[in-house]
Protein backbone atom coordinates (compact mmCIF):
# COMPACT_ATOMS: atom_id res chain seq x y z
CA UNK A 1 99.59 317.80 374.24
CA UNK A 2 99.91 314.58 376.17
CA UNK A 3 102.18 314.15 379.16
CA UNK A 4 104.11 311.07 380.27
CA UNK A 5 105.48 311.11 383.78
CA UNK A 6 108.07 308.75 385.26
CA UNK A 7 109.52 308.39 388.71
CA UNK A 8 113.15 307.52 389.37
CA UNK A 9 114.90 306.50 392.52
CA UNK A 10 117.71 308.74 393.70
CA UNK A 11 120.16 306.12 392.46
CA UNK A 12 118.57 305.98 389.00
CA UNK A 13 118.69 309.78 388.75
CA UNK A 14 122.36 309.78 389.76
CA UNK A 15 123.03 307.24 387.02
CA UNK A 16 121.39 309.49 384.44
CA UNK A 17 123.23 312.52 385.75
CA UNK A 18 126.44 310.58 385.16
CA UNK A 19 125.68 310.09 381.43
CA UNK A 20 123.57 313.14 380.57
CA UNK A 21 123.96 316.87 381.12
CA UNK A 22 120.21 317.02 381.73
CA UNK A 23 118.34 313.82 382.57
CA UNK A 24 115.05 315.57 381.71
CA UNK A 25 116.26 316.58 378.24
CA UNK A 26 117.77 313.14 377.69
CA UNK A 27 114.49 311.40 378.57
CA UNK A 28 112.43 313.78 376.43
CA UNK A 29 114.80 313.26 373.49
CA UNK A 30 114.73 309.46 373.85
CA UNK A 31 110.93 309.34 373.88
CA UNK A 32 110.37 311.86 371.09
CA UNK A 33 112.97 310.20 368.87
CA UNK A 34 111.36 306.77 369.34
CA UNK A 35 107.97 308.28 368.55
CA UNK A 36 109.43 309.86 365.39
CA UNK A 37 110.83 306.50 364.26
CA UNK A 38 107.48 304.79 364.90
CA UNK A 39 105.64 307.49 362.96
CA UNK A 40 108.06 307.09 360.04
CA UNK A 41 107.21 303.36 360.02
CA UNK A 42 103.48 304.13 360.17
CA UNK A 43 103.69 306.67 357.33
CA UNK A 44 105.50 304.12 355.16
CA UNK A 45 102.88 301.41 355.87
CA UNK A 46 99.91 303.70 355.29
CA UNK A 47 101.28 305.26 352.09
CA UNK A 48 101.99 301.78 350.72
CA UNK A 49 98.49 300.62 351.68
CA UNK A 50 96.90 303.65 350.04
CA UNK A 51 98.92 303.24 346.85
CA UNK A 52 98.14 299.51 346.64
CA UNK A 53 94.41 300.20 347.05
CA UNK A 54 94.20 303.32 344.87
CA UNK A 55 93.21 305.43 347.88
CA UNK A 56 93.87 309.12 348.35
CA UNK A 57 96.91 309.64 350.58
CA UNK A 58 96.29 312.12 353.40
CA UNK A 59 98.24 315.34 352.98
CA UNK A 60 100.15 315.62 356.28
CA UNK A 61 102.12 313.19 358.43
CA UNK A 62 99.63 313.73 361.27
CA UNK A 63 96.71 312.88 358.97
CA UNK A 64 98.54 309.85 357.58
CA UNK A 65 99.19 308.47 361.08
CA UNK A 66 95.59 309.13 362.15
CA UNK A 67 94.28 307.49 358.96
CA UNK A 68 96.41 304.42 359.63
CA UNK A 69 94.74 303.85 362.99
CA UNK A 70 91.25 304.76 361.73
CA UNK A 71 91.31 302.33 358.82
CA UNK A 72 92.99 299.52 360.78
CA UNK A 73 96.26 299.42 358.87
CA UNK A 74 98.01 300.31 362.12
CA UNK A 75 97.24 298.85 365.54
CA UNK A 76 98.62 299.73 368.94
CA UNK A 77 101.13 297.41 370.59
CA UNK A 78 98.43 296.54 373.13
CA UNK A 79 96.01 295.55 370.34
CA UNK A 80 98.67 293.46 368.56
CA UNK A 81 99.59 291.78 371.84
CA UNK A 82 95.95 290.96 372.64
CA UNK A 83 95.49 289.47 369.17
CA UNK A 84 98.63 287.34 369.56
CA UNK A 85 97.50 286.10 372.98
CA UNK A 86 94.05 285.25 371.61
CA UNK A 87 95.63 283.36 368.73
CA UNK A 88 97.87 281.44 371.12
CA UNK A 89 94.85 280.62 373.30
CA UNK A 90 93.00 279.27 370.25
CA UNK A 91 95.95 277.05 369.37
CA UNK A 92 96.43 275.70 372.91
CA UNK A 93 93.40 273.36 372.92
CA UNK A 94 94.45 271.98 369.54
CA UNK A 95 97.88 271.12 370.89
CA UNK A 96 96.31 269.31 373.87
CA UNK A 97 94.19 267.16 371.54
CA UNK A 98 97.12 265.99 369.44
């Protein structure tokens, strides 16, 4: 299991206590639900890719998600961001020349 830790100011914690019975449970639910939504998106992309290419579809959601990253169908947000920045950097000199 992986662990994500956050720190809140006393004021931020009071704000969460105002809207949630348990700030800890609220935070855990928010993160796990977002991860579930992302994994649903990944499963859809990978299954579609496999079907389009006549590839065997992995048998579990965990294997499908792992396969997506291994075969390059899925990239992390950091990887996508780096690629976008590199593409923008390539275009910048062209704009200066025009």
